[in-house]
């Protein structure tokens, strides 16, 4: 009986992901076109930013975002970004503050690489630092939003001014995120996903008002 309920929950979650991602890509397509034009006019470079992340059961995939920086990251640069990073473009600051830069990830959801709700996927170097914690977190598909995203909606502001942005992220922020992500995995349900979506919208709207 428990196995049947778990299977039904997975089917319902995937069905929701398919419908939600398809609707989002269609309904938000005018906004995406506008963003694409603004990005190209604002700075040289591609419209989208792709980065390898670790997904479900450790499978690698490329997460998709609107490009918000003047240059693509390379292996020698920090994998996290503070709010005062000089590489962030003018339009990029708006996209990051409003979380609009995350919209292209609905394509990752449609492909089955991500879910609308689930632990945010990390780069391999961070996963390697906490193998036991990530072992549990990677048992579900990564998502566009989760409990950690809500609690750390102001993450870039917290990192602003840090002498070593990556070290601060690894030592303080990432462990806190992993704790929240593990709690989500243990209590995952469709109703919890709906609650997280509602809280995410409220958190982003509230943070925007605060920043303004």
C-alpha atoms as a PDB file:
ATOM      1  CA  UNK A   1       0.000   0.000   0.000  1.00  0.00           C
ATOM      2  CA  UNK A   2       2.780   2.409   0.943  1.00  0.00           C
ATOM      3  CA  UNK A   3       4.651   1.583  -2.274  1.00  0.00           C
ATOM      4  CA  UNK A   4       1.495   2.248  -4.304  1.00  0.00           C
ATOM      5  CA  UNK A   5       1.049   5.646  -2.657  1.00  0.00           C
ATOM      6  CA  UNK A   6       4.683   6.517  -3.309  1.00  0.00           C
ATOM      7  CA  UNK A   7       4.302   5.556  -6.968  1.00  0.00           C
ATOM      8  CA  UNK A   8       1.125   7.607  -7.332  1.00  0.00           C
ATOM      9  CA  UNK A   9       2.858  10.574  -5.721  1.00  0.00           C
ATOM     10  CA  UNK A  10       5.722  10.348  -8.229  1.00  0.00           C
ATOM     11  CA  UNK A  11       3.286  10.105 -11.143  1.00  0.00           C
ATOM     12  CA  UNK A  12       1.295  13.099  -9.884  1.00  0.00           C
ATOM     13  CA  UNK A  13       4.457  15.142  -9.381  1.00  0.00           C
ATOM     14  CA  UNK A  14       5.749  14.388 -12.878  1.00  0.00           C
ATOM     15  CA  UNK A  15       2.344  15.133 -14.418  1.00  0.00           C
ATOM     16  CA  UNK A  16       2.273  18.469 -12.622  1.00  0.00           C
ATOM     17  CA  UNK A  17       5.826  19.226 -13.776  1.00  0.00           C
ATOM     18  CA  UNK A  18       4.919  18.547 -17.399  1.00  0.00           C
ATOM     19  CA  UNK A  19       1.781  20.683 -17.343  1.00  0.00           C
ATOM     20  CA  UNK A  20       3.340  23.501 -15.307  1.00  0.00           C
ATOM     21  CA  UNK A  21       6.532  23.721 -17.387  1.00  0.00           C
ATOM     22  CA  UNK A  22       4.674  23.615 -20.705  1.00  0.00           C
ATOM     23  CA  UNK A  23       2.198  26.279 -19.586  1.00  0.00           C
ATOM     24  CA  UNK A  24       4.983  28.448 -18.167  1.00  0.00           C
ATOM     25  CA  UNK A  25       7.050  28.296 -21.359  1.00  0.00           C
ATOM     26  CA  UNK A  26       4.013  29.184 -23.483  1.00  0.00           C
ATOM     27  CA  UNK A  27       2.530  31.898 -21.278  1.00  0.00           C
ATOM     28  CA  UNK A  28       5.888  33.484 -20.460  1.00  0.00           C
ATOM     29  CA  UNK A  29       7.220  33.334 -24.029  1.00  0.00           C
ATOM     30  CA  UNK A  30       6.581  37.076 -24.677  1.00  0.00           C
ATOM     31  CA  UNK A  31       8.543  37.942 -21.521  1.00  0.00           C
ATOM     32  CA  UNK A  32      11.317  35.568 -22.547  1.00  0.00           C
ATOM     33  CA  UNK A  33      11.575  37.196 -25.978  1.00  0.00           C
ATOM     34  CA  UNK A  34      11.759  40.634 -24.353  1.00  0.00           C
ATOM     35  CA  UNK A  35      14.488  39.422 -21.982  1.00  0.00           C
ATOM     36  CA  UNK A  36      16.452  37.887 -24.848  1.00  0.00           C
ATOM     37  CA  UNK A  37      16.418  41.186 -26.757  1.00  0.00           C
ATOM     38  CA  UNK A  38      17.356  43.174 -23.635  1.00  0.00           C
ATOM     39  CA  UNK A  39      20.279  40.860 -22.871  1.00  0.00           C
ATOM     40  CA  UNK A  40      21.683  41.121 -26.393  1.00  0.00           C
ATOM     41  CA  UNK A  41      21.347  44.926 -26.402  1.00  0.00           C
ATOM     42  CA  UNK A  42      22.883  45.280 -22.946  1.00  0.00           C
ATOM     43  CA  UNK A  43      26.111  43.317 -23.455  1.00  0.00           C
ATOM     44  CA  UNK A  44      27.936  41.057 -25.858  1.00  0.00           C
ATOM     45  CA  UNK A  45      27.550  37.322 -25.431  1.00  0.00           C
ATOM     46  CA  UNK A  46      24.970  34.539 -25.605  1.00  0.00           C
ATOM     47  CA  UNK A  47      21.406  34.941 -24.351  1.00  0.00           C
ATOM     48  CA  UNK A  48      21.530  31.854 -22.162  1.00  0.00           C
ATOM     49  CA  UNK A  49      23.953  30.703 -19.498  1.00  0.00           C
ATOM     50  CA  UNK A  50      24.567  26.960 -19.254  1.00  0.00           C
ATOM     51  CA  UNK A  51      26.351  25.279 -16.386  1.00  0.00           C
ATOM     52  CA  UNK A  52      26.872  21.628 -15.511  1.00  0.00           C
ATOM     53  CA  UNK A  53      25.082  20.603 -12.322  1.00  0.00           C
ATOM     54  CA  UNK A  54      24.608  17.317 -10.492  1.00  0.00           C
ATOM     55  CA  UNK A  55      21.078  15.971 -10.772  1.00  0.00           C
ATOM     56  CA  UNK A  56      18.956  12.963  -9.853  1.00  0.00           C
ATOM     57  CA  UNK A  57      21.117  10.074  -8.574  1.00  0.00           C
ATOM     58  CA  UNK A  58      24.264  12.017  -9.501  1.00  0.00           C
ATOM     59  CA  UNK A  59      23.495  12.332 -13.213  1.00  0.00           C
ATOM     60  CA  UNK A  60      25.099  15.438 -14.720  1.00  0.00           C
ATOM     61  CA  UNK A  61      23.057  17.886 -16.787  1.00  0.00           C
ATOM     62  CA  UNK A  62      23.305  21.498 -17.948  1.00  0.00           C
ATOM     63  CA  UNK A  63      21.081  23.948 -16.118  1.00  0.00           C
ATOM     64  CA  UNK A  64      19.705  26.775 -18.254  1.00  0.00           C
ATOM     65  CA  UNK A  65      19.370  30.414 -17.200  1.00  0.00           C
ATOM     66  CA  UNK A  66      19.256  33.812 -18.851  1.00  0.00           C
ATOM     67  CA  UNK A  67      22.784  35.210 -18.940  1.00  0.00           C
ATOM     68  CA  UNK A  68      23.214  37.925 -16.298  1.00  0.00           C
ATOM     69  CA  UNK A  69      26.970  38.453 -16.400  1.00  0.00           C
ATOM     70  CA  UNK A  70      29.399  40.001 -18.856  1.00  0.00           C
ATOM     71  CA  UNK A  71      31.350  36.777 -19.178  1.00  0.00           C
ATOM     72  CA  UNK A  72      30.780  33.054 -18.756  1.00  0.00           C
ATOM     73  CA  UNK A  73      32.355  31.506 -15.695  1.00  0.00           C
ATOM     74  CA  UNK A  74      35.414  29.309 -16.173  1.00  0.00           C
ATOM     75  CA  UNK A  75      36.923  26.727 -13.786  1.00  0.00           C
ATOM     76  CA  UNK A  76      39.186  29.329 -12.174  1.00  0.00           C
ATOM     77  CA  UNK A  77      36.355  31.644 -11.045  1.00  0.00           C
ATOM     78  CA  UNK A  78      34.127  31.311  -7.993  1.00  0.00           C
ATOM     79  CA  UNK A  79      31.044  29.155  -8.493  1.00  0.00           C
ATOM     80  CA  UNK A  80      28.871  31.493  -6.407  1.00  0.00           C
ATOM     81  CA  UNK A  81      28.120  35.166  -6.929  1.00  0.00           C
ATOM     82  CA  UNK A  82      27.780  38.014  -4.463  1.00  0.00           C
ATOM     83  CA  UNK A  83      25.424  40.899  -5.069  1.00  0.00           C
ATOM     84  CA  UNK A  84      28.355  43.272  -5.632  1.00  0.00           C
ATOM     85  CA  UNK A  85      30.001  41.175  -8.360  1.00  0.00           C
ATOM     86  CA  UNK A  86      31.140  43.616 -11.042  1.00  0.00           C
ATOM     87  CA  UNK A  87      30.510  41.098 -13.811  1.00  0.00           C
ATOM     88  CA  UNK A  88      26.740  41.353 -13.370  1.00  0.00           C
ATOM     89  CA  UNK A  89      25.217  43.408 -16.192  1.00  0.00           C
ATOM     90  CA  UNK A  90      22.596  46.140 -15.824  1.00  0.00           C
ATOM     91  CA  UNK A  91      19.780  43.967 -17.121  1.00  0.00           C
ATOM     92  CA  UNK A  92      21.317  41.053 -15.238  1.00  0.00           C
ATOM     93  CA  UNK A  93      20.745  42.757 -11.895  1.00  0.00           C
ATOM     94  CA  UNK A  94      17.062  43.123 -12.674  1.00  0.00           C
ATOM     95  CA  UNK A  95      16.760  39.535 -13.857  1.00  0.00           C
ATOM     96  CA  UNK A  96      18.507  38.177 -10.757  1.00  0.00           C
ATOM     97  CA  UNK A  97      16.566  40.352  -8.319  1.00  0.00           C
ATOM     98  CA  UNK A  98      13.216  39.303  -9.804  1.00  0.00           C
ATOM     99  CA  UNK A  99      14.357  35.685 -10.371  1.00  0.00           C
ATOM    100  CA  UNK A 100      13.320  36.019 -14.017  1.00  0.00           C
ATOM    101  CA  UNK A 101      16.725  34.600 -14.975  1.00  0.00           C
ATOM    102  CA  UNK A 102      15.461  31.219 -13.674  1.00  0.00           C
ATOM    103  CA  UNK A 103      12.544  30.981 -16.148  1.00  0.00           C
ATOM    104  CA  UNK A 104      14.486  28.989 -18.799  1.00  0.00           C
ATOM    105  CA  UNK A 105      14.798  26.160 -16.275  1.00  0.00           C
ATOM    106  CA  UNK A 106      11.231  25.189 -17.119  1.00  0.00           C
ATOM    107  CA  UNK A 107      12.877  23.657 -20.191  1.00  0.00           C
ATOM    108  CA  UNK A 108      14.994  21.491 -17.861  1.00  0.00           C
ATOM    109  CA  UNK A 109      11.768  20.499 -16.104  1.00  0.00           C
ATOM    110  CA  UNK A 110      10.061  19.615 -19.386  1.00  0.00           C
ATOM    111  CA  UNK A 111      13.034  17.406 -20.314  1.00  0.00           C
ATOM    112  CA  UNK A 112      12.807  15.567 -16.991  1.00  0.00           C
ATOM    113  CA  UNK A 113      16.169  16.829 -15.690  1.00  0.00           C
ATOM    114  CA  UNK A 114      14.520  18.934 -13.001  1.00  0.00           C
ATOM    115  CA  UNK A 115      11.231  19.362 -11.172  1.00  0.00           C
ATOM    116  CA  UNK A 116       9.372  22.568 -10.381  1.00  0.00           C
ATOM    117  CA  UNK A 117       9.954  21.886  -6.669  1.00  0.00           C
ATOM    118  CA  UNK A 118      13.021  20.081  -5.383  1.00  0.00           C
ATOM    119  CA  UNK A 119      16.497  20.712  -3.931  1.00  0.00           C
ATOM    120  CA  UNK A 120      18.426  23.232  -5.987  1.00  0.00           C
ATOM    121  CA  UNK A 121      21.126  21.442  -8.038  1.00  0.00           C
ATOM    122  CA  UNK A 122      24.744  22.185  -7.206  1.00  0.00           C
ATOM    123  CA  UNK A 123      28.001  22.013  -9.144  1.00  0.00           C
ATOM    124  CA  UNK A 124      30.083  18.874  -8.748  1.00  0.00           C
ATOM    125  CA  UNK A 125      32.826  20.493  -6.629  1.00  0.00           C
ATOM    126  CA  UNK A 126      30.315  21.343  -3.875  1.00  0.00           C
ATOM    127  CA  UNK A 127      28.631  17.954  -4.027  1.00  0.00           C
ATOM    128  CA  UNK A 128      32.010  16.324  -3.460  1.00  0.00           C
ATOM    129  CA  UNK A 129      32.463  18.268  -0.210  1.00  0.00           C
ATOM    130  CA  UNK A 130      29.325  16.799   1.416  1.00  0.00           C
ATOM    131  CA  UNK A 131      28.926  13.306  -0.089  1.00  0.00           C
ATOM    132  CA  UNK A 132      26.755  11.879   2.695  1.00  0.00           C
ATOM    133  CA  UNK A 133      24.317  14.800   2.781  1.00  0.00           C
ATOM    134  CA  UNK A 134      24.056  14.984  -0.996  1.00  0.00           C
ATOM    135  CA  UNK A 135      23.468  11.235  -1.161  1.00  0.00           C
ATOM    136  CA  UNK A 136      20.040  11.822   0.361  1.00  0.00           C
ATOM    137  CA  UNK A 137      19.335  15.060  -1.503  1.00  0.00           C
ATOM    138  CA  UNK A 138      20.114  13.517  -4.897  1.00  0.00           C
ATOM    139  CA  UNK A 139      17.535  10.762  -4.343  1.00  0.00           C
ATOM    140  CA  UNK A 140      14.953  13.163  -5.836  1.00  0.00           C
ATOM    141  CA  UNK A 141      14.993  15.377  -8.913  1.00  0.00           C
ATOM    142  CA  UNK A 142      16.478  18.827  -8.319  1.00  0.00           C
ATOM    143  CA  UNK A 143      14.076  21.728  -8.601  1.00  0.00           C
ATOM    144  CA  UNK A 144      13.644  25.352  -9.560  1.00  0.00           C
ATOM    145  CA  UNK A 145      12.628  26.201  -6.010  1.00  0.00           C
ATOM    146  CA  UNK A 146      12.689  24.600  -2.572  1.00  0.00           C
ATOM    147  CA  UNK A 147      12.630  25.475   1.113  1.00  0.00           C
ATOM    148  CA  UNK A 148      16.256  26.614   0.960  1.00  0.00           C
ATOM    149  CA  UNK A 149      15.483  28.963  -1.943  1.00  0.00           C
ATOM    150  CA  UNK A 150      12.825  30.638   0.182  1.00  0.00           C
ATOM    151  CA  UNK A 151      15.015  30.982   3.270  1.00  0.00           C
ATOM    152  CA  UNK A 152      17.953  32.242   1.202  1.00  0.00           C
ATOM    153  CA  UNK A 153      16.075  34.441  -1.269  1.00  0.00           C
ATOM    154  CA  UNK A 154      18.542  37.180  -0.229  1.00  0.00           C
ATOM    155  CA  UNK A 155      21.603  34.957  -0.667  1.00  0.00           C
ATOM    156  CA  UNK A 156      23.486  37.373  -2.915  1.00  0.00           C
ATOM    157  CA  UNK A 157      22.969  40.175  -0.391  1.00  0.00           C
ATOM    158  CA  UNK A 158      24.366  37.922   2.362  1.00  0.00           C
ATOM    159  CA  UNK A 159      27.446  37.258   0.253  1.00  0.00           C
ATOM    160  CA  UNK A 160      27.974  40.906  -0.641  1.00  0.00           C
ATOM    161  CA  UNK A 161      31.287  42.262   0.587  1.00  0.00           C
ATOM    162  CA  UNK A 162      32.693  38.882   1.663  1.00  0.00           C
ATOM    163  CA  UNK A 163      36.462  38.575   1.281  1.00  0.00           C
ATOM    164  CA  UNK A 164      36.035  34.996   0.050  1.00  0.00           C
ATOM    165  CA  UNK A 165      32.534  34.509  -1.344  1.00  0.00           C
ATOM    166  CA  UNK A 166      32.956  30.825  -2.084  1.00  0.00           C
ATOM    167  CA  UNK A 167      34.348  30.002   1.348  1.00  0.00           C
ATOM    168  CA  UNK A 168      31.453  31.776   3.083  1.00  0.00           C
ATOM    169  CA  UNK A 169      29.004  29.871   0.911  1.00  0.00           C
ATOM    170  CA  UNK A 170      30.590  26.478   1.606  1.00  0.00           C
ATOM    171  CA  UNK A 171      31.097  26.963   5.337  1.00  0.00           C
ATOM    172  CA  UNK A 172      27.844  28.684   6.309  1.00  0.00           C
ATOM    173  CA  UNK A 173      25.171  28.836   3.615  1.00  0.00           C
ATOM    174  CA  UNK A 174      25.487  25.438   1.925  1.00  0.00           C
ATOM    175  CA  UNK A 175      25.293  23.374   5.164  1.00  0.00           C
ATOM    176  CA  UNK A 176      22.113  25.268   6.135  1.00  0.00           C
ATOM    177  CA  UNK A 177      20.659  24.634   2.685  1.00  0.00           C
ATOM    178  CA  UNK A 178      21.466  20.928   2.869  1.00  0.00           C
ATOM    179  CA  UNK A 179      19.655  20.626   6.194  1.00  0.00           C
ATOM    180  CA  UNK A 180      16.507  22.166   4.699  1.00  0.00           C
ATOM    181  CA  UNK A 181      16.803  20.052   1.560  1.00  0.00           C
ATOM    182  CA  UNK A 182      17.116  16.854   3.570  1.00  0.00           C
ATOM    183  CA  UNK A 183      13.994  17.808   5.529  1.00  0.00           C
ATOM    184  CA  UNK A 184      12.157  18.294   2.235  1.00  0.00           C
ATOM    185  CA  UNK A 185      13.214  14.871   0.917  1.00  0.00           C
ATOM    186  CA  UNK A 186      12.013  13.131   4.069  1.00  0.00           C
ATOM    187  CA  UNK A 187       8.627  14.842   4.060  1.00  0.00           C
ATOM    188  CA  UNK A 188       8.068  15.347   0.336  1.00  0.00           C
ATOM    189  CA  UNK A 189       4.445  15.407  -0.809  1.00  0.00           C
ATOM    190  CA  UNK A 190       2.339  17.066  -3.485  1.00  0.00           C
ATOM    191  CA  UNK A 191       0.709  19.369  -0.934  1.00  0.00           C
ATOM    192  CA  UNK A 192       4.121  20.418   0.386  1.00  0.00           C
ATOM    193  CA  UNK A 193       5.171  21.254  -3.187  1.00  0.00           C
ATOM    194  CA  UNK A 194       2.112  23.480  -3.622  1.00  0.00           C
ATOM    195  CA  UNK A 195       2.911  25.231  -0.344  1.00  0.00           C
ATOM    196  CA  UNK A 196       6.523  25.805  -1.399  1.00  0.00           C
ATOM    197  CA  UNK A 197       5.411  27.310  -4.728  1.00  0.00           C
ATOM    198  CA  UNK A 198       3.089  29.728  -2.924  1.00  0.00           C
ATOM    199  CA  UNK A 199       5.778  30.648  -0.388  1.00  0.00           C
ATOM    200  CA  UNK A 200       8.320  31.160  -3.186  1.00  0.00           C
ATOM    201  CA  UNK A 201       6.085  33.654  -4.996  1.00  0.00           C
ATOM    202  CA  UNK A 202       5.455  35.500  -1.732  1.00  0.00           C
ATOM    203  CA  UNK A 203       9.169  35.506  -0.822  1.00  0.00           C
ATOM    204  CA  UNK A 204      10.265  36.868  -4.213  1.00  0.00           C
ATOM    205  CA  UNK A 205       7.566  39.552  -4.175  1.00  0.00           C
ATOM    206  CA  UNK A 206       8.463  40.541  -0.611  1.00  0.00           C
ATOM    207  CA  UNK A 207      12.183  40.665  -1.368  1.00  0.00           C
ATOM    208  CA  UNK A 208      11.550  42.861  -4.414  1.00  0.00           C
ATOM    209  CA  UNK A 209       9.575  45.347  -2.293  1.00  0.00           C
ATOM    210  CA  UNK A 210      12.369  45.323   0.299  1.00  0.00           C
ATOM    211  CA  UNK A 211      15.045  45.991  -2.333  1.00  0.00           C
ATOM    212  CA  UNK A 212      12.998  48.789  -3.908  1.00  0.00           C
END
